Amino acid sequence: PGALDVKIKELIAFAIGVMQRCDGCIASHGQSAARAGASREEAAEAIGVTFLMGGGPSTIYGPRAYAAFCEFKDAVEAKVPVS
């Protein structure tokens, strides 16, 4: 805990994962963001910032990261354990 809640920190880390083109970071922080209550809209907005800051590579990793986040979010909403 701190000035930023866990959800916001995980969304920041998720966006950094996109910027760094790190599949493991995207998976780990995307799943944690979903578990922390991040919405699809919040994930999309975080990824949108990476397009502004990361240029072309982020436009490749961003859609893949969003698809992964949506899978994690679906699992969280369905209360399906995700490893």
PDB file of N, CA and C in Angstrom:
ATOM      1  N   PRO A   1       0.823  -1.209   0.000  1.00  0.00           N
ATOM      2  CA  PRO A   1       0.000   0.000   0.000  1.00  0.00           C
ATOM      3  C   PRO A   1       0.860   1.263   0.000  1.00  0.00           C
ATOM      4  N   GLY A   2       0.250   2.289  -0.447  1.00  0.00           N
ATOM      5  CA  GLY A   2       0.905   3.586  -0.517  1.00  0.00           C
ATOM      6  C   GLY A   2      -0.046   4.577  -1.140  1.00  0.00           C
ATOM      7  N   ALA A   3       0.486   5.612  -1.732  1.00  0.00           N
ATOM      8  CA  ALA A   3      -0.350   6.627  -2.364  1.00  0.00           C
ATOM      9  C   ALA A   3      -1.122   6.062  -3.556  1.00  0.00           C
ATOM     10  N   LEU A   4      -0.554   5.075  -4.227  1.00  0.00           N
ATOM     11  CA  LEU A   4      -1.229   4.403  -5.342  1.00  0.00           C
ATOM     12  C   LEU A   4      -1.709   3.038  -4.869  1.00  0.00           C
ATOM     13  N   ASP A   5      -2.924   2.674  -5.253  1.00  0.00           N
ATOM     14  CA  ASP A   5      -3.409   1.359  -4.839  1.00  0.00           C
ATOM     15  C   ASP A   5      -2.823   0.261  -5.739  1.00  0.00           C
ATOM     16  N   VAL A   6      -3.018  -0.966  -5.331  1.00  0.00           N
ATOM     17  CA  VAL A   6      -2.443  -2.116  -6.032  1.00  0.00           C
ATOM     18  C   VAL A   6      -2.898  -2.163  -7.489  1.00  0.00           C
ATOM     19  N   LYS A   7      -4.162  -1.883  -7.741  1.00  0.00           N
ATOM     20  CA  LYS A   7      -4.675  -1.932  -9.112  1.00  0.00           C
ATOM     21  C   LYS A   7      -3.888  -0.989 -10.016  1.00  0.00           C
ATOM     22  N   ILE A   8      -3.680   0.237  -9.563  1.00  0.00           N
ATOM     23  CA  ILE A   8      -2.964   1.225 -10.374  1.00  0.00           C
ATOM     24  C   ILE A   8      -1.512   0.798 -10.578  1.00  0.00           C
ATOM     25  N   LYS A   9      -0.875   0.315  -9.529  1.00  0.00           N
ATOM     26  CA  LYS A   9       0.508  -0.145  -9.654  1.00  0.00           C
ATOM     27  C   LYS A   9       0.617  -1.300 -10.643  1.00  0.00           C
ATOM     28  N   GLU A  10      -0.339  -2.223 -10.601  1.00  0.00           N
ATOM     29  CA  GLU A  10      -0.304  -3.355 -11.533  1.00  0.00           C
ATOM     30  C   GLU A  10      -0.562  -2.899 -12.973  1.00  0.00           C
ATOM     31  N   LEU A  11      -1.438  -1.926 -13.156  1.00  0.00           N
ATOM     32  CA  LEU A  11      -1.660  -1.392 -14.505  1.00  0.00           C
ATOM     33  C   LEU A  11      -0.398  -0.698 -15.030  1.00  0.00           C
ATOM     34  N   ILE A  12       0.292   0.020 -14.162  1.00  0.00           N
ATOM     35  CA  ILE A  12       1.553   0.655 -14.567  1.00  0.00           C
ATOM     36  C   ILE A  12       2.561  -0.416 -14.961  1.00  0.00           C
ATOM     37  N   ALA A  13       2.702  -1.445 -14.127  1.00  0.00           N
ATOM     38  CA  ALA A  13       3.639  -2.529 -14.429  1.00  0.00           C
ATOM     39  C   ALA A  13       3.248  -3.258 -15.717  1.00  0.00           C
ATOM     40  N   PHE A  14       1.952  -3.447 -15.922  1.00  0.00           N
ATOM     41  CA  PHE A  14       1.442  -4.061 -17.153  1.00  0.00           C
ATOM     42  C   PHE A  14       1.862  -3.232 -18.369  1.00  0.00           C
ATOM     43  N   ALA A  15       1.688  -1.923 -18.286  1.00  0.00           N
ATOM     44  CA  ALA A  15       2.071  -1.035 -19.389  1.00  0.00           C
ATOM     45  C   ALA A  15       3.581  -1.063 -19.612  1.00  0.00           C
ATOM     46  N   ILE A  16       4.346  -1.107 -18.544  1.00  0.00           N
ATOM     47  CA  ILE A  16       5.800  -1.204 -18.691  1.00  0.00           C
ATOM     48  C   ILE A  16       6.169  -2.506 -19.375  1.00  0.00           C
ATOM     49  N   GLY A  17       5.470  -3.581 -19.041  1.00  0.00           N
ATOM     50  CA  GLY A  17       5.709  -4.858 -19.715  1.00  0.00           C
ATOM     51  C   GLY A  17       5.497  -4.753 -21.218  1.00  0.00           C
ATOM     52  N   VAL A  18       4.455  -4.029 -21.624  1.00  0.00           N
ATOM     53  CA  VAL A  18       4.215  -3.807 -23.061  1.00  0.00           C
ATOM     54  C   VAL A  18       5.378  -3.015 -23.653  1.00  0.00           C
ATOM     55  N   MET A  19       5.778  -1.944 -22.976  1.00  0.00           N
ATOM     56  CA  MET A  19       6.873  -1.101 -23.468  1.00  0.00           C
ATOM     57  C   MET A  19       8.176  -1.882 -23.602  1.00  0.00           C
ATOM     58  N   GLN A  20       8.423  -2.789 -22.651  1.00  0.00           N
ATOM     59  CA  GLN A  20       9.659  -3.567 -22.650  1.00  0.00           C
ATOM     60  C   GLN A  20       9.569  -4.824 -23.517  1.00  0.00           C
ATOM     61  N   ARG A  21       8.370  -5.082 -24.047  1.00  0.00           N
ATOM     62  CA  ARG A  21       8.137  -6.252 -24.893  1.00  0.00           C
ATOM     63  C   ARG A  21       8.456  -7.539 -24.149  1.00  0.00           C
ATOM     64  N   CYS A  22       7.977  -7.588 -22.895  1.00  0.00           N
ATOM     65  CA  CYS A  22       8.244  -8.721 -22.011  1.00  0.00           C
ATOM     66  C   CYS A  22       6.962  -9.534 -21.817  1.00  0.00           C
ATOM     67  N   ASP A  23       6.877 -10.666 -22.504  1.00  0.00           N
ATOM     68  CA  ASP A  23       5.673 -11.497 -22.417  1.00  0.00           C
ATOM     69  C   ASP A  23       5.385 -11.948 -20.990  1.00  0.00           C
ATOM     70  N   GLY A  24       6.421 -12.325 -20.251  1.00  0.00           N
ATOM     71  CA  GLY A  24       6.227 -12.764 -18.882  1.00  0.00           C
ATOM     72  C   GLY A  24       5.699 -11.647 -17.994  1.00  0.00           C
ATOM     73  N   CYS A  25       6.216 -10.432 -18.194  1.00  0.00           N
ATOM     74  CA  CYS A  25       5.743  -9.269 -17.420  1.00  0.00           C
ATOM     75  C   CYS A  25       4.289  -8.958 -17.757  1.00  0.00           C
ATOM     76  N   ILE A  26       3.961  -9.023 -19.037  1.00  0.00           N
ATOM     77  CA  ILE A  26       2.589  -8.768 -19.477  1.00  0.00           C
ATOM     78  C   ILE A  26       1.643  -9.774 -18.818  1.00  0.00           C
ATOM     79  N   ALA A  27       2.027 -11.043 -18.839  1.00  0.00           N
ATOM     80  CA  ALA A  27       1.171 -12.080 -18.255  1.00  0.00           C
ATOM     81  C   ALA A  27       1.035 -11.894 -16.749  1.00  0.00           C
ATOM     82  N   SER A  28       2.149 -11.715 -16.077  1.00  0.00           N
ATOM     83  CA  SER A  28       2.126 -11.604 -14.621  1.00  0.00           C
ATOM     84  C   SER A  28       1.342 -10.383 -14.155  1.00  0.00           C
ATOM     85  N   HIS A  29       1.643  -9.230 -14.727  1.00  0.00           N
ATOM     86  CA  HIS A  29       0.994  -8.003 -14.264  1.00  0.00           C
ATOM     87  C   HIS A  29      -0.411  -7.838 -14.840  1.00  0.00           C
ATOM     88  N   GLY A  30      -0.669  -8.410 -16.000  1.00  0.00           N
ATOM     89  CA  GLY A  30      -2.036  -8.410 -16.525  1.00  0.00           C
ATOM     90  C   GLY A  30      -2.959  -9.218 -15.637  1.00  0.00           C
ATOM     91  N   GLN A  31      -2.481 -10.388 -15.229  1.00  0.00           N
ATOM     92  CA  GLN A  31      -3.269 -11.237 -14.329  1.00  0.00           C
ATOM     93  C   GLN A  31      -3.462 -10.549 -12.979  1.00  0.00           C
ATOM     94  N   SER A  32      -2.403  -9.959 -12.446  1.00  0.00           N
ATOM     95  CA  SER A  32      -2.510  -9.276 -11.150  1.00  0.00           C
ATOM     96  C   SER A  32      -3.429  -8.063 -11.225  1.00  0.00           C
ATOM     97  N   ALA A  33      -3.384  -7.338 -12.330  1.00  0.00           N
ATOM     98  CA  ALA A  33      -4.278  -6.184 -12.501  1.00  0.00           C
ATOM     99  C   ALA A  33      -5.735  -6.640 -12.541  1.00  0.00           C
ATOM    100  N   ALA A  34      -5.989  -7.727 -13.263  1.00  0.00           N
ATOM    101  CA  ALA A  34      -7.356  -8.255 -13.325  1.00  0.00           C
ATOM    102  C   ALA A  34      -7.827  -8.689 -11.938  1.00  0.00           C
ATOM    103  N   ARG A  35      -6.967  -9.366 -11.202  1.00  0.00           N
ATOM    104  CA  ARG A  35      -7.320  -9.806  -9.849  1.00  0.00           C
ATOM    105  C   ARG A  35      -7.538  -8.621  -8.912  1.00  0.00           C
ATOM    106  N   ALA A  36      -6.826  -7.512  -9.176  1.00  0.00           N
ATOM    107  CA  ALA A  36      -6.951  -6.320  -8.328  1.00  0.00           C
ATOM    108  C   ALA A  36      -8.169  -5.470  -8.692  1.00  0.00           C
ATOM    109  N   GLY A  37      -8.915  -5.906  -9.720  1.00  0.00           N
ATOM    110  CA  GLY A  37     -10.152  -5.222 -10.070  1.00  0.00           C
ATOM    111  C   GLY A  37     -10.075  -4.262 -11.238  1.00  0.00           C
ATOM    112  N   ALA A  38      -8.975  -4.281 -11.983  1.00  0.00           N
ATOM    113  CA  ALA A  38      -8.874  -3.408 -13.148  1.00  0.00           C
ATOM    114  C   ALA A  38      -9.918  -3.812 -14.195  1.00  0.00           C
ATOM    115  N   SER A  39     -10.496  -2.830 -14.826  1.00  0.00           N
ATOM    116  CA  SER A  39     -11.497  -3.085 -15.870  1.00  0.00           C
ATOM    117  C   SER A  39     -10.813  -3.207 -17.234  1.00  0.00           C
ATOM    118  N   ARG A  40     -11.553  -3.719 -18.191  1.00  0.00           N
ATOM    119  CA  ARG A  40     -11.041  -3.791 -19.563  1.00  0.00           C
ATOM    120  C   ARG A  40     -10.722  -2.396 -20.084  1.00  0.00           C
ATOM    121  N   GLU A  41     -11.552  -1.431 -19.735  1.00  0.00           N
ATOM    122  CA  GLU A  41     -11.338  -0.050 -20.177  1.00  0.00           C
ATOM    123  C   GLU A  41     -10.054   0.516 -19.580  1.00  0.00           C
ATOM    124  N   GLU A  42      -9.791   0.213 -18.321  1.00  0.00           N
ATOM    125  CA  GLU A  42      -8.558   0.693 -17.693  1.00  0.00           C
ATOM    126  C   GLU A  42      -7.333   0.053 -18.328  1.00  0.00           C
ATOM    127  N   ALA A  43      -7.409  -1.236 -18.620  1.00  0.00           N
ATOM    128  CA  ALA A  43      -6.289  -1.915 -19.278  1.00  0.00           C
ATOM    129  C   ALA A  43      -6.066  -1.333 -20.664  1.00  0.00           C
ATOM    130  N   ALA A  44      -7.146  -1.093 -21.394  1.00  0.00           N
ATOM    131  CA  ALA A  44      -7.024  -0.517 -22.736  1.00  0.00           C
ATOM    132  C   ALA A  44      -6.397   0.867 -22.679  1.00  0.00           C
ATOM    133  N   GLU A  45      -6.785   1.665 -21.698  1.00  0.00           N
ATOM    134  CA  GLU A  45      -6.222   3.006 -21.582  1.00  0.00           C
ATOM    135  C   GLU A  45      -4.736   2.957 -21.233  1.00  0.00           C
ATOM    136  N   ALA A  46      -4.354   2.055 -20.337  1.00  0.00           N
ATOM    137  CA  ALA A  46      -2.940   1.895 -19.994  1.00  0.00           C
ATOM    138  C   ALA A  46      -2.140   1.496 -21.233  1.00  0.00           C
ATOM    139  N   ILE A  47      -2.682   0.586 -22.020  1.00  0.00           N
ATOM    140  CA  ILE A  47      -2.007   0.167 -23.253  1.00  0.00           C
ATOM    141  C   ILE A  47      -1.954   1.320 -24.239  1.00  0.00           C
ATOM    142  N   GLY A  48      -3.013   2.125 -24.289  1.00  0.00           N
ATOM    143  CA  GLY A  48      -3.027   3.284 -25.181  1.00  0.00           C
ATOM    144  C   GLY A  48      -1.889   4.242 -24.890  1.00  0.00           C
ATOM    145  N   VAL A  49      -1.555   4.400 -23.633  1.00  0.00           N
ATOM    146  CA  VAL A  49      -0.429   5.271 -23.276  1.00  0.00           C
ATOM    147  C   VAL A  49       0.865   4.695 -23.839  1.00  0.00           C
ATOM    148  N   THR A  50       0.992   3.372 -23.856  1.00  0.00           N
ATOM    149  CA  THR A  50       2.218   2.781 -24.407  1.00  0.00           C
ATOM    150  C   THR A  50       2.345   3.075 -25.894  1.00  0.00           C
ATOM    151  N   PHE A  51       1.231   3.213 -26.595  1.00  0.00           N
ATOM    152  CA  PHE A  51       1.300   3.562 -28.013  1.00  0.00           C
ATOM    153  C   PHE A  51       1.907   4.946 -28.185  1.00  0.00           C
ATOM    154  N   LEU A  52       1.540   5.864 -27.305  1.00  0.00           N
ATOM    155  CA  LEU A  52       2.070   7.227 -27.372  1.00  0.00           C
ATOM    156  C   LEU A  52       3.558   7.262 -27.030  1.00  0.00           C
ATOM    157  N   MET A  53       3.949   6.462 -26.050  1.00  0.00           N
ATOM    158  CA  MET A  53       5.320   6.513 -25.562  1.00  0.00           C
ATOM    159  C   MET A  53       6.248   5.501 -26.237  1.00  0.00           C
ATOM    160  N   GLY A  54       5.698   4.397 -26.704  1.00  0.00           N
ATOM    161  CA  GLY A  54       6.538   3.313 -27.215  1.00  0.00           C
ATOM    162  C   GLY A  54       6.538   3.145 -28.719  1.00  0.00           C
ATOM    163  N   GLY A  55       5.669   3.860 -29.409  1.00  0.00           N
ATOM    164  CA  GLY A  55       5.646   3.777 -30.859  1.00  0.00           C
ATOM    165  C   GLY A  55       5.289   2.403 -31.401  1.00  0.00           C
ATOM    166  N   GLY A  56       5.872   2.094 -32.538  1.00  0.00           N
ATOM    167  CA  GLY A  56       5.549   0.891 -33.293  1.00  0.00           C
ATOM    168  C   GLY A  56       5.563  -0.410 -32.522  1.00  0.00           C
ATOM    169  N   PRO A  57       6.621  -0.709 -31.759  1.00  0.00           N
ATOM    170  CA  PRO A  57       6.630  -1.982 -31.045  1.00  0.00           C
ATOM    171  C   PRO A  57       5.440  -2.144 -30.093  1.00  0.00           C
ATOM    172  N   SER A  58       5.020  -1.052 -29.477  1.00  0.00           N
ATOM    173  CA  SER A  58       3.870  -1.146 -28.564  1.00  0.00           C
ATOM    174  C   SER A  58       2.586  -1.447 -29.317  1.00  0.00           C
ATOM    175  N   THR A  59       2.495  -1.036 -30.566  1.00  0.00           N
ATOM    176  CA  THR A  59       1.283  -1.328 -31.334  1.00  0.00           C
ATOM    177  C   THR A  59       1.208  -2.810 -31.700  1.00  0.00           C
ATOM    178  N   ILE A  60       2.335  -3.509 -31.625  1.00  0.00           N
ATOM    179  CA  ILE A  60       2.347  -4.957 -31.852  1.00  0.00           C
ATOM    180  C   ILE A  60       2.048  -5.695 -30.548  1.00  0.00           C
ATOM    181  N   TYR A  61       2.718  -5.308 -29.478  1.00  0.00           N
ATOM    182  CA  TYR A  61       2.534  -5.980 -28.192  1.00  0.00           C
ATOM    183  C   TYR A  61       1.233  -5.597 -27.502  1.00  0.00           C
ATOM    184  N   GLY A  62       0.762  -4.380 -27.713  1.00  0.00           N
ATOM    185  CA  GLY A  62      -0.444  -3.901 -27.041  1.00  0.00           C
ATOM    186  C   GLY A  62      -1.684  -4.751 -27.277  1.00  0.00           C
ATOM    187  N   PRO A  63      -2.032  -5.032 -28.524  1.00  0.00           N
ATOM    188  CA  PRO A  63      -3.224  -5.856 -28.763  1.00  0.00           C
ATOM    189  C   PRO A  63      -3.101  -7.265 -28.172  1.00  0.00           C
ATOM    190  N   ARG A  64      -1.906  -7.830 -28.224  1.00  0.00           N
ATOM    191  CA  ARG A  64      -1.698  -9.150 -27.618  1.00  0.00           C
ATOM    192  C   ARG A  64      -1.850  -9.074 -26.110  1.00  0.00           C
ATOM    193  N   ALA A  65      -1.325  -7.995 -25.520  1.00  0.00           N
ATOM    194  CA  ALA A  65      -1.441  -7.807 -24.072  1.00  0.00           C
ATOM    195  C   ALA A  65      -2.899  -7.620 -23.676  1.00  0.00           C
ATOM    196  N   TYR A  66      -3.651  -6.881 -24.489  1.00  0.00           N
ATOM    197  CA  TYR A  66      -5.058  -6.658 -24.183  1.00  0.00           C
ATOM    198  C   TYR A  66      -5.839  -7.977 -24.258  1.00  0.00           C
ATOM    199  N   ALA A  67      -5.556  -8.785 -25.258  1.00  0.00           N
ATOM    200  CA  ALA A  67      -6.230 -10.090 -25.375  1.00  0.00           C
ATOM    201  C   ALA A  67      -5.921 -10.957 -24.154  1.00  0.00           C
ATOM    202  N   ALA A  68      -4.669 -10.937 -23.715  1.00  0.00           N
ATOM    203  CA  ALA A  68      -4.307 -11.714 -22.522  1.00  0.00           C
ATOM    204  C   ALA A  68      -5.034 -11.177 -21.301  1.00  0.00           C
ATOM    205  N   PHE A  69      -5.065  -9.845 -21.138  1.00  0.00           N
ATOM    206  CA  PHE A  69      -5.766  -9.257 -19.998  1.00  0.00           C
ATOM    207  C   PHE A  69      -7.231  -9.685 -20.007  1.00  0.00           C
ATOM    208  N   CYS A  70      -7.870  -9.656 -21.168  1.00  0.00           N
ATOM    209  CA  CYS A  70      -9.288 -10.020 -21.249  1.00  0.00           C
ATOM    210  C   CYS A  70      -9.504 -11.479 -20.855  1.00  0.00           C
ATOM    211  N   GLU A  71      -8.578 -12.359 -21.218  1.00  0.00           N
ATOM    212  CA  GLU A  71      -8.687 -13.759 -20.790  1.00  0.00           C
ATOM    213  C   GLU A  71      -8.588 -13.859 -19.274  1.00  0.00           C
ATOM    214  N   PHE A  72      -7.641 -13.130 -18.682  1.00  0.00           N
ATOM    215  CA  PHE A  72      -7.509 -13.140 -17.223  1.00  0.00           C
ATOM    216  C   PHE A  72      -8.766 -12.560 -16.573  1.00  0.00           C
ATOM    217  N   LYS A  73      -9.280 -11.484 -17.129  1.00  0.00           N
ATOM    218  CA  LYS A  73     -10.471 -10.837 -16.562  1.00  0.00           C
ATOM    219  C   LYS A  73     -11.660 -11.786 -16.635  1.00  0.00           C
ATOM    220  N   ASP A  74     -11.825 -12.469 -17.764  1.00  0.00           N
ATOM    221  CA  ASP A  74     -12.906 -13.448 -17.899  1.00  0.00           C
ATOM    222  C   ASP A  74     -12.794 -14.530 -16.831  1.00  0.00           C
ATOM    223  N   ALA A  75     -11.572 -15.010 -16.586  1.00  0.00           N
ATOM    224  CA  ALA A  75     -11.360 -16.049 -15.583  1.00  0.00           C
ATOM    225  C   ALA A  75     -11.677 -15.526 -14.183  1.00  0.00           C
ATOM    226  N   VAL A  76     -11.271 -14.294 -13.900  1.00  0.00           N
ATOM    227  CA  VAL A  76     -11.558 -13.699 -12.588  1.00  0.00           C
ATOM    228  C   VAL A  76     -13.063 -13.568 -12.403  1.00  0.00           C
ATOM    229  N   GLU A  77     -13.745 -13.081 -13.426  1.00  0.00           N
ATOM    230  CA  GLU A  77     -15.205 -12.899 -13.332  1.00  0.00           C
ATOM    231  C   GLU A  77     -15.919 -14.235 -13.189  1.00  0.00           C
ATOM    232  N   ALA A  78     -15.404 -15.266 -13.835  1.00  0.00           N
ATOM    233  CA  ALA A  78     -16.014 -16.598 -13.741  1.00  0.00           C
ATOM    234  C   ALA A  78     -15.542 -17.360 -12.508  1.00  0.00           C
ATOM    235  N   LYS A  79     -14.633 -16.742 -11.755  1.00  0.00           N
ATOM    236  CA  LYS A  79     -14.056 -17.354 -10.548  1.00  0.00           C
ATOM    237  C   LYS A  79     -13.363 -18.675 -10.875  1.00  0.00           C
ATOM    238  N   VAL A  80     -12.679 -18.690 -12.021  1.00  0.00           N
ATOM    239  CA  VAL A  80     -11.912 -19.838 -12.440  1.00  0.00           C
ATOM    240  C   VAL A  80     -10.471 -19.611 -11.988  1.00  0.00           C
ATOM    241  N   PRO A  81      -9.857 -20.572 -11.313  1.00  0.00           N
ATOM    242  CA  PRO A  81      -8.463 -20.386 -10.903  1.00  0.00           C
ATOM    243  C   PRO A  81      -7.563 -20.228 -12.122  1.00  0.00           C
ATOM    244  N   VAL A  82      -6.684 -19.255 -12.067  1.00  0.00           N
ATOM    245  CA  VAL A  82      -5.739 -19.014 -13.152  1.00  0.00           C
ATOM    246  C   VAL A  82      -4.349 -19.149 -12.563  1.00  0.00           C
ATOM    247  N   SER A  83      -3.519 -19.959 -13.227  1.00  0.00           N
ATOM    248  CA  SER A  83      -2.146 -20.133 -12.711  1.00  0.00           C
ATOM    249  C   SER A  83      -1.171 -19.337 -13.523  1.00  0.00           C
TER     250      SER A  83
END
